[in-house]
Amino acid sequence: MSTRAIVAAPAEGGFACIERRPPRPREGELTVALSAAGICRTDLFVARGQLPARTGLVLGHEASGVVVDGDPSRVGQRVVVVPTLPCGR
């Protein structure tokens, strides 16, 4: 499975759309196929190089979608991703 992601690319004018292969979920994690995600003003500052962030950082939050991998009892459930619980990576 591959997916598209909007990433920070200040050198290219702000944003870039890339294809990437999501990692397999580890114990306690889920893979969510996103239906929608919001871009906020902070994301715009990052994309324009006005806030420090590594090139290639996936932007967007306040996402919703459907669980497609991980706990079999959750696959197919509609979920909202909580952006205030970062994984640290």
PDB file of N, CA and C in Angstrom:
ATOM      1  N   MET A   1       0.843  -1.169   0.000  1.00  0.00           N
ATOM      2  CA  MET A   1       0.000   0.000   0.000  1.00  0.00           C
ATOM      3  C   MET A   1       0.893   1.238   0.000  1.00  0.00           C
ATOM      4  N   SER A   2       0.570   2.199  -0.827  1.00  0.00           N
ATOM      5  CA  SER A   2       1.274   3.476  -0.787  1.00  0.00           C
ATOM      6  C   SER A   2       0.230   4.574  -0.643  1.00  0.00           C
ATOM      7  N   THR A   3       0.692   5.739  -0.260  1.00  0.00           N
ATOM      8  CA  THR A   3      -0.209   6.852  -0.027  1.00  0.00           C
ATOM      9  C   THR A   3       0.471   8.143  -0.453  1.00  0.00           C
ATOM     10  N   ARG A   4      -0.295   9.189  -0.601  1.00  0.00           N
ATOM     11  CA  ARG A   4       0.256  10.505  -0.889  1.00  0.00           C
ATOM     12  C   ARG A   4       0.283  11.309   0.401  1.00  0.00           C
ATOM     13  N   ALA A   5       1.285  12.156   0.534  1.00  0.00           N
ATOM     14  CA  ALA A   5       1.410  13.013   1.704  1.00  0.00           C
ATOM     15  C   ALA A   5       1.813  14.410   1.263  1.00  0.00           C
ATOM     16  N   ILE A   6       1.290  15.397   1.954  1.00  0.00           N
ATOM     17  CA  ILE A   6       1.708  16.781   1.751  1.00  0.00           C
ATOM     18  C   ILE A   6       2.795  17.046   2.787  1.00  0.00           C
ATOM     19  N   VAL A   7       3.972  17.438   2.298  1.00  0.00           N
ATOM     20  CA  VAL A   7       5.114  17.627   3.192  1.00  0.00           C
ATOM     21  C   VAL A   7       5.657  19.047   3.074  1.00  0.00           C
ATOM     22  N   ALA A   8       6.376  19.446   4.135  1.00  0.00           N
ATOM     23  CA  ALA A   8       7.038  20.755   4.133  1.00  0.00           C
ATOM     24  C   ALA A   8       8.192  20.723   3.137  1.00  0.00           C
ATOM     25  N   ALA A   9       8.238  21.725   2.277  1.00  0.00           N
ATOM     26  CA  ALA A   9       9.307  21.838   1.285  1.00  0.00           C
ATOM     27  C   ALA A   9       9.595  23.319   1.037  1.00  0.00           C
ATOM     28  N   PRO A  10      10.160  24.001   2.062  1.00  0.00           N
ATOM     29  CA  PRO A  10      10.386  25.451   1.929  1.00  0.00           C
ATOM     30  C   PRO A  10      11.188  25.834   0.682  1.00  0.00           C
ATOM     31  N   ALA A  11      12.170  25.029   0.299  1.00  0.00           N
ATOM     32  CA  ALA A  11      12.996  25.345  -0.865  1.00  0.00           C
ATOM     33  C   ALA A  11      12.200  25.283  -2.164  1.00  0.00           C
ATOM     34  N   GLU A  12      11.113  24.503  -2.178  1.00  0.00           N
ATOM     35  CA  GLU A  12      10.287  24.366  -3.386  1.00  0.00           C
ATOM     36  C   GLU A  12       9.060  25.268  -3.344  1.00  0.00           C
ATOM     37  N   GLY A  13       9.000  26.193  -2.413  1.00  0.00           N
ATOM     38  CA  GLY A  13       7.876  27.112  -2.358  1.00  0.00           C
ATOM     39  C   GLY A  13       6.853  26.798  -1.288  1.00  0.00           C
ATOM     40  N   GLY A  14       7.105  25.826  -0.460  1.00  0.00           N
ATOM     41  CA  GLY A  14       6.207  25.584   0.660  1.00  0.00           C
ATOM     42  C   GLY A  14       5.771  24.149   0.833  1.00  0.00           C
ATOM     43  N   PHE A  15       5.120  23.602  -0.175  1.00  0.00           N
ATOM     44  CA  PHE A  15       4.560  22.261  -0.058  1.00  0.00           C
ATOM     45  C   PHE A  15       5.027  21.388  -1.209  1.00  0.00           C
ATOM     46  N   ALA A  16       5.047  20.090  -0.958  1.00  0.00           N
ATOM     47  CA  ALA A  16       5.273  19.110  -2.015  1.00  0.00           C
ATOM     48  C   ALA A  16       4.364  17.920  -1.731  1.00  0.00           C
ATOM     49  N   CYS A  17       3.863  17.308  -2.762  1.00  0.00           N
ATOM     50  CA  CYS A  17       3.050  16.099  -2.628  1.00  0.00           C
ATOM     51  C   CYS A  17       3.940  14.924  -3.020  1.00  0.00           C
ATOM     52  N   ILE A  18       4.102  13.975  -2.109  1.00  0.00           N
ATOM     53  CA  ILE A  18       4.974  12.837  -2.371  1.00  0.00           C
ATOM     54  C   ILE A  18       4.216  11.531  -2.181  1.00  0.00           C
ATOM     55  N   GLU A  19       4.717  10.489  -2.809  1.00  0.00           N
ATOM     56  CA  GLU A  19       4.222   9.127  -2.573  1.00  0.00           C
ATOM     57  C   GLU A  19       5.106   8.522  -1.498  1.00  0.00           C
ATOM     58  N   ARG A  20       4.487   7.855  -0.552  1.00  0.00           N
ATOM     59  CA  ARG A  20       5.285   7.171   0.463  1.00  0.00           C
ATOM     60  C   ARG A  20       4.558   5.912   0.900  1.00  0.00           C
ATOM     61  N   ARG A  21       5.352   5.003   1.403  1.00  0.00           N
ATOM     62  CA  ARG A  21       4.818   3.741   1.900  1.00  0.00           C
ATOM     63  C   ARG A  21       4.742   3.831   3.423  1.00  0.00           C
ATOM     64  N   PRO A  22       3.532   3.740   3.998  1.00  0.00           N
ATOM     65  CA  PRO A  22       3.428   3.842   5.450  1.00  0.00           C
ATOM     66  C   PRO A  22       4.047   2.618   6.135  1.00  0.00           C
ATOM     67  N   PRO A  23       4.656   2.817   7.308  1.00  0.00           N
ATOM     68  CA  PRO A  23       5.216   1.672   8.028  1.00  0.00           C
ATOM     69  C   PRO A  23       4.105   0.779   8.561  1.00  0.00           C
ATOM     70  N   ARG A  24       4.419  -0.480   8.773  1.00  0.00           N
ATOM     71  CA  ARG A  24       3.457  -1.399   9.395  1.00  0.00           C
ATOM     72  C   ARG A  24       3.249  -0.962  10.843  1.00  0.00           C
ATOM     73  N   PRO A  25       2.024  -0.991  11.326  1.00  0.00           N
ATOM     74  CA  PRO A  25       1.797  -0.594  12.716  1.00  0.00           C
ATOM     75  C   PRO A  25       2.420  -1.594  13.684  1.00  0.00           C
ATOM     76  N   ARG A  26       2.982  -1.051  14.773  1.00  0.00           N
ATOM     77  CA  ARG A  26       3.522  -1.886  15.836  1.00  0.00           C
ATOM     78  C   ARG A  26       2.409  -2.190  16.838  1.00  0.00           C
ATOM     79  N   GLU A  27       2.726  -2.967  17.835  1.00  0.00           N
ATOM     80  CA  GLU A  27       1.760  -3.302  18.883  1.00  0.00           C
ATOM     81  C   GLU A  27       1.123  -2.028  19.435  1.00  0.00           C
ATOM     82  N   GLY A  28      -0.196  -1.986  19.461  1.00  0.00           N
ATOM     83  CA  GLY A  28      -0.908  -0.844  20.009  1.00  0.00           C
ATOM     84  C   GLY A  28      -1.096   0.303  19.036  1.00  0.00           C
ATOM     85  N   GLU A  29      -0.611   0.177  17.796  1.00  0.00           N
ATOM     86  CA  GLU A  29      -0.749   1.231  16.795  1.00  0.00           C
ATOM     87  C   GLU A  29      -1.742   0.816  15.715  1.00  0.00           C
ATOM     88  N   LEU A  30      -2.254   1.795  14.992  1.00  0.00           N
ATOM     89  CA  LEU A  30      -3.178   1.562  13.885  1.00  0.00           C
ATOM     90  C   LEU A  30      -2.710   2.335  12.663  1.00  0.00           C
ATOM     91  N   THR A  31      -3.052   1.850  11.488  1.00  0.00           N
ATOM     92  CA  THR A  31      -2.876   2.615  10.258  1.00  0.00           C
ATOM     93  C   THR A  31      -4.250   3.113   9.850  1.00  0.00           C
ATOM     94  N   VAL A  32      -4.341   4.429   9.593  1.00  0.00           N
ATOM     95  CA  VAL A  32      -5.614   5.049   9.243  1.00  0.00           C
ATOM     96  C   VAL A  32      -5.514   5.607   7.827  1.00  0.00           C
ATOM     97  N   ALA A  33      -6.439   5.204   6.968  1.00  0.00           N
ATOM     98  CA  ALA A  33      -6.550   5.803   5.631  1.00  0.00           C
ATOM     99  C   ALA A  33      -7.337   7.091   5.816  1.00  0.00           C
ATOM    100  N   LEU A  34      -6.667   8.226   5.632  1.00  0.00           N
ATOM    101  CA  LEU A  34      -7.306   9.513   5.901  1.00  0.00           C
ATOM    102  C   LEU A  34      -8.288   9.900   4.809  1.00  0.00           C
ATOM    103  N   SER A  35      -9.406  10.417   5.248  1.00  0.00           N
ATOM    104  CA  SER A  35     -10.402  10.974   4.335  1.00  0.00           C
ATOM    105  C   SER A  35     -10.227  12.477   4.225  1.00  0.00           C
ATOM    106  N   ALA A  36      -9.791  13.095   5.328  1.00  0.00           N
ATOM    107  CA  ALA A  36      -9.606  14.549   5.364  1.00  0.00           C
ATOM    108  C   ALA A  36      -8.627  14.909   6.468  1.00  0.00           C
ATOM    109  N   ALA A  37      -7.899  16.012   6.261  1.00  0.00           N
ATOM    110  CA  ALA A  37      -6.998  16.545   7.283  1.00  0.00           C
ATOM    111  C   ALA A  37      -6.915  18.054   7.097  1.00  0.00           C
ATOM    112  N   GLY A  38      -6.795  18.762   8.199  1.00  0.00           N
ATOM    113  CA  GLY A  38      -6.721  20.221   8.136  1.00  0.00           C
ATOM    114  C   GLY A  38      -5.284  20.707   8.089  1.00  0.00           C
ATOM    115  N   ILE A  39      -5.093  21.846   7.441  1.00  0.00           N
ATOM    116  CA  ILE A  39      -3.813  22.548   7.436  1.00  0.00           C
ATOM    117  C   ILE A  39      -4.057  23.853   8.193  1.00  0.00           C
ATOM    118  N   CYS A  40      -3.244  24.110   9.212  1.00  0.00           N
ATOM    119  CA  CYS A  40      -3.446  25.323  10.016  1.00  0.00           C
ATOM    120  C   CYS A  40      -2.367  26.362   9.692  1.00  0.00           C
ATOM    121  N   ARG A  41      -2.473  27.518  10.333  1.00  0.00           N
ATOM    122  CA  ARG A  41      -1.522  28.599  10.092  1.00  0.00           C
ATOM    123  C   ARG A  41      -0.108  28.168  10.469  1.00  0.00           C
ATOM    124  N   THR A  42       0.046  27.399  11.541  1.00  0.00           N
ATOM    125  CA  THR A  42       1.377  26.921  11.924  1.00  0.00           C
ATOM    126  C   THR A  42       1.986  26.091  10.807  1.00  0.00           C
ATOM    127  N   ASP A  43       1.192  25.234  10.159  1.00  0.00           N
ATOM    128  CA  ASP A  43       1.682  24.446   9.024  1.00  0.00           C
ATOM    129  C   ASP A  43       2.161  25.372   7.908  1.00  0.00           C
ATOM    130  N   LEU A  44       1.450  26.464   7.687  1.00  0.00           N
ATOM    131  CA  LEU A  44       1.858  27.421   6.653  1.00  0.00           C
ATOM    132  C   LEU A  44       3.199  28.061   6.999  1.00  0.00           C
ATOM    133  N   PHE A  45       3.401  28.418   8.280  1.00  0.00           N
ATOM    134  CA  PHE A  45       4.686  28.986   8.704  1.00  0.00           C
ATOM    135  C   PHE A  45       5.815  27.985   8.491  1.00  0.00           C
ATOM    136  N   VAL A  46       5.560  26.709   8.807  1.00  0.00           N
ATOM    137  CA  VAL A  46       6.567  25.661   8.603  1.00  0.00           C
ATOM    138  C   VAL A  46       6.885  25.525   7.119  1.00  0.00           C
ATOM    139  N   ALA A  47       5.850  25.458   6.287  1.00  0.00           N
ATOM    140  CA  ALA A  47       6.045  25.274   4.849  1.00  0.00           C
ATOM    141  C   ALA A  47       6.806  26.437   4.219  1.00  0.00           C
ATOM    142  N   ARG A  48       6.620  27.637   4.755  1.00  0.00           N
ATOM    143  CA  ARG A  48       7.302  28.818   4.223  1.00  0.00           C
ATOM    144  C   ARG A  48       8.694  29.014   4.806  1.00  0.00           C
ATOM    145  N   GLY A  49       9.093  28.120   5.726  1.00  0.00           N
ATOM    146  CA  GLY A  49      10.410  28.232   6.335  1.00  0.00           C
ATOM    147  C   GLY A  49      10.470  29.254   7.450  1.00  0.00           C
ATOM    148  N   GLN A  50       9.322  29.718   7.929  1.00  0.00           N
ATOM    149  CA  GLN A  50       9.275  30.720   8.998  1.00  0.00           C
ATOM    150  C   GLN A  50       9.338  30.098  10.386  1.00  0.00           C
ATOM    151  N   LEU A  51       9.138  28.800  10.488  1.00  0.00           N
ATOM    152  CA  LEU A  51       9.319  28.040  11.722  1.00  0.00           C
ATOM    153  C   LEU A  51      10.235  26.867  11.390  1.00  0.00           C
ATOM    154  N   PRO A  52      11.128  26.519  12.318  1.00  0.00           N
ATOM    155  CA  PRO A  52      12.052  25.432  12.025  1.00  0.00           C
ATOM    156  C   PRO A  52      11.344  24.070  11.984  1.00  0.00           C
ATOM    157  N   ALA A  53      11.669  23.311  10.970  1.00  0.00           N
ATOM    158  CA  ALA A  53      11.177  21.934  10.818  1.00  0.00           C
ATOM    159  C   ALA A  53      12.009  21.273   9.742  1.00  0.00           C
ATOM    160  N   ARG A  54      12.112  19.987   9.804  1.00  0.00           N
ATOM    161  CA  ARG A  54      12.891  19.285   8.796  1.00  0.00           C
ATOM    162  C   ARG A  54      12.103  19.197   7.489  1.00  0.00           C
ATOM    163  N   THR A  55      12.808  19.324   6.375  1.00  0.00           N
ATOM    164  CA  THR A  55      12.175  19.150   5.070  1.00  0.00           C
ATOM    165  C   THR A  55      11.617  17.740   5.011  1.00  0.00           C
ATOM    166  N   GLY A  56      10.413  17.619   4.490  1.00  0.00           N
ATOM    167  CA  GLY A  56       9.777  16.313   4.406  1.00  0.00           C
ATOM    168  C   GLY A  56       8.825  16.014   5.547  1.00  0.00           C
ATOM    169  N   LEU A  57       8.707  16.935   6.516  1.00  0.00           N
ATOM    170  CA  LEU A  57       7.773  16.760   7.618  1.00  0.00           C
ATOM    171  C   LEU A  57       6.356  16.715   7.053  1.00  0.00           C
ATOM    172  N   VAL A  58       5.584  15.685   7.401  1.00  0.00           N
ATOM    173  CA  VAL A  58       4.207  15.581   6.931  1.00  0.00           C
ATOM    174  C   VAL A  58       3.362  16.598   7.674  1.00  0.00           C
ATOM    175  N   LEU A  59       2.662  17.436   6.915  1.00  0.00           N
ATOM    176  CA  LEU A  59       1.832  18.485   7.489  1.00  0.00           C
ATOM    177  C   LEU A  59       0.378  18.034   7.579  1.00  0.00           C
ATOM    178  N   GLY A  60      -0.379  18.775   8.354  1.00  0.00           N
ATOM    179  CA  GLY A  60      -1.803  18.498   8.491  1.00  0.00           C
ATOM    180  C   GLY A  60      -2.102  17.810   9.811  1.00  0.00           C
ATOM    181  N   HIS A  61      -3.289  18.065  10.299  1.00  0.00           N
ATOM    182  CA  HIS A  61      -3.752  17.449  11.535  1.00  0.00           C
ATOM    183  C   HIS A  61      -5.272  17.549  11.547  1.00  0.00           C
ATOM    184  N   GLU A  62      -5.880  17.278  12.691  1.00  0.00           N
ATOM    185  CA  GLU A  62      -7.338  17.262  12.761  1.00  0.00           C
ATOM    186  C   GLU A  62      -7.885  16.351  11.663  1.00  0.00           C
ATOM    187  N   ALA A  63      -7.355  15.145  11.622  1.00  0.00           N
ATOM    188  CA  ALA A  63      -7.666  14.210  10.540  1.00  0.00           C
ATOM    189  C   ALA A  63      -8.769  13.229  10.923  1.00  0.00           C
ATOM    190  N   SER A  64      -9.449  12.740   9.903  1.00  0.00           N
ATOM    191  CA  SER A  64     -10.422  11.672  10.095  1.00  0.00           C
ATOM    192  C   SER A  64     -10.245  10.656   8.983  1.00  0.00           C
ATOM    193  N   GLY A  65     -10.607   9.433   9.264  1.00  0.00           N
ATOM    194  CA  GLY A  65     -10.471   8.388   8.264  1.00  0.00           C
ATOM    195  C   GLY A  65     -10.963   7.050   8.775  1.00  0.00           C
ATOM    196  N   VAL A  66     -10.471   5.986   8.147  1.00  0.00           N
ATOM    197  CA  VAL A  66     -10.897   4.622   8.457  1.00  0.00           C
ATOM    198  C   VAL A  66      -9.670   3.781   8.791  1.00  0.00           C
ATOM    199  N   VAL A  67      -9.752   2.991   9.858  1.00  0.00           N
ATOM    200  CA  VAL A  67      -8.662   2.094  10.242  1.00  0.00           C
ATOM    201  C   VAL A  67      -8.532   0.996   9.186  1.00  0.00           C
ATOM    202  N   VAL A  68      -7.303   0.819   8.657  1.00  0.00           N
ATOM    203  CA  VAL A  68      -7.072  -0.187   7.617  1.00  0.00           C
ATOM    204  C   VAL A  68      -6.063  -1.262   8.031  1.00  0.00           C
ATOM    205  N   ASP A  69      -5.353  -1.057   9.146  1.00  0.00           N
ATOM    206  CA  ASP A  69      -4.373  -2.045   9.585  1.00  0.00           C
ATOM    207  C   ASP A  69      -4.141  -1.874  11.082  1.00  0.00           C
ATOM    208  N   GLY A  70      -3.741  -2.951  11.717  1.00  0.00           N
ATOM    209  CA  GLY A  70      -3.492  -2.933  13.155  1.00  0.00           C
ATOM    210  C   GLY A  70      -4.427  -3.907  13.846  1.00  0.00           C
ATOM    211  N   ASP A  71      -5.000  -3.507  14.956  1.00  0.00           N
ATOM    212  CA  ASP A  71      -5.925  -4.337  15.735  1.00  0.00           C
ATOM    213  C   ASP A  71      -7.098  -4.775  14.855  1.00  0.00           C
ATOM    214  N   PRO A  72      -7.238  -6.095  14.595  1.00  0.00           N
ATOM    215  CA  PRO A  72      -8.318  -6.568  13.711  1.00  0.00           C
ATOM    216  C   PRO A  72      -9.715  -6.135  14.159  1.00  0.00           C
ATOM    217  N   SER A  73      -9.914  -5.939  15.455  1.00  0.00           N
ATOM    218  CA  SER A  73     -11.239  -5.526  15.933  1.00  0.00           C
ATOM    219  C   SER A  73     -11.541  -4.063  15.598  1.00  0.00           C
ATOM    220  N   ARG A  74     -10.515  -3.296  15.197  1.00  0.00           N
ATOM    221  CA  ARG A  74     -10.703  -1.877  14.873  1.00  0.00           C
ATOM    222  C   ARG A  74     -10.747  -1.621  13.369  1.00  0.00           C
ATOM    223  N   VAL A  75     -10.260  -2.562  12.553  1.00  0.00           N
ATOM    224  CA  VAL A  75     -10.236  -2.370  11.097  1.00  0.00           C
ATOM    225  C   VAL A  75     -11.661  -2.096  10.605  1.00  0.00           C
ATOM    226  N   GLY A  76     -11.789  -1.039   9.803  1.00  0.00           N
ATOM    227  CA  GLY A  76     -13.081  -0.643   9.257  1.00  0.00           C
ATOM    228  C   GLY A  76     -13.768   0.444  10.066  1.00  0.00           C
ATOM    229  N   GLN A  77     -13.283   0.719  11.278  1.00  0.00           N
ATOM    230  CA  GLN A  77     -13.898   1.760  12.098  1.00  0.00           C
ATOM    231  C   GLN A  77     -13.504   3.148  11.607  1.00  0.00           C
ATOM    232  N   ARG A  78     -14.441   4.067  11.653  1.00  0.00           N
ATOM    233  CA  ARG A  78     -14.159   5.473  11.369  1.00  0.00           C
ATOM    234  C   ARG A  78     -13.569   6.082  12.635  1.00  0.00           C
ATOM    235  N   VAL A  79     -12.509   6.869  12.471  1.00  0.00           N
ATOM    236  CA  VAL A  79     -11.828   7.445  13.627  1.00  0.00           C
ATOM    237  C   VAL A  79     -11.439   8.891  13.359  1.00  0.00           C
ATOM    238  N   VAL A  80     -11.152   9.597  14.443  1.00  0.00           N
ATOM    239  CA  VAL A  80     -10.588  10.934  14.394  1.00  0.00           C
ATOM    240  C   VAL A  80      -9.203  10.839  15.018  1.00  0.00           C
ATOM    241  N   VAL A  81      -8.205  11.401  14.370  1.00  0.00           N
ATOM    242  CA  VAL A  81      -6.832  11.375  14.870  1.00  0.00           C
ATOM    243  C   VAL A  81      -6.641  12.573  15.789  1.00  0.00           C
ATOM    244  N   VAL A  82      -6.137  12.310  17.012  1.00  0.00           N
ATOM    245  CA  VAL A  82      -5.934  13.373  18.002  1.00  0.00           C
ATOM    246  C   VAL A  82      -4.504  13.884  17.854  1.00  0.00           C
ATOM    247  N   PRO A  83      -4.313  15.116  17.353  1.00  0.00           N
ATOM    248  CA  PRO A  83      -2.955  15.612  17.102  1.00  0.00           C
ATOM    249  C   PRO A  83      -2.203  16.029  18.351  1.00  0.00           C
ATOM    250  N   THR A  84      -2.848  16.033  19.498  1.00  0.00           N
ATOM    251  CA  THR A  84      -2.170  16.478  20.727  1.00  0.00           C
ATOM    252  C   THR A  84      -1.458  15.343  21.443  1.00  0.00           C
ATOM    253  N   LEU A  85      -1.428  14.168  20.863  1.00  0.00           N
ATOM    254  CA  LEU A  85      -0.727  13.022  21.440  1.00  0.00           C
ATOM    255  C   LEU A  85       0.370  12.572  20.493  1.00  0.00           C
ATOM    256  N   PRO A  86       1.465  13.352  20.382  1.00  0.00           N
ATOM    257  CA  PRO A  86       2.522  13.012  19.410  1.00  0.00           C
ATOM    258  C   PRO A  86       3.255  11.734  19.780  1.00  0.00           C
ATOM    259  N   CYS A  87       3.710  11.043  18.748  1.00  0.00           N
ATOM    260  CA  CYS A  87       4.460   9.804  18.973  1.00  0.00           C
ATOM    261  C   CYS A  87       5.932  10.091  19.214  1.00  0.00           C
ATOM    262  N   GLY A  88       6.394  11.313  18.959  1.00  0.00           N
ATOM    263  CA  GLY A  88       7.786  11.652  19.189  1.00  0.00           C
ATOM    264  C   GLY A  88       8.701  11.411  18.008  1.00  0.00           C
ATOM    265  N   ARG A  89       8.125  11.015  16.849  1.00  0.00           N
ATOM    266  CA  ARG A  89       8.934  10.792  15.661  1.00  0.00           C
ATOM    267  C   ARG A  89       8.395  11.611  14.526  1.00  0.00           C
TER     268      ARG A  89
END
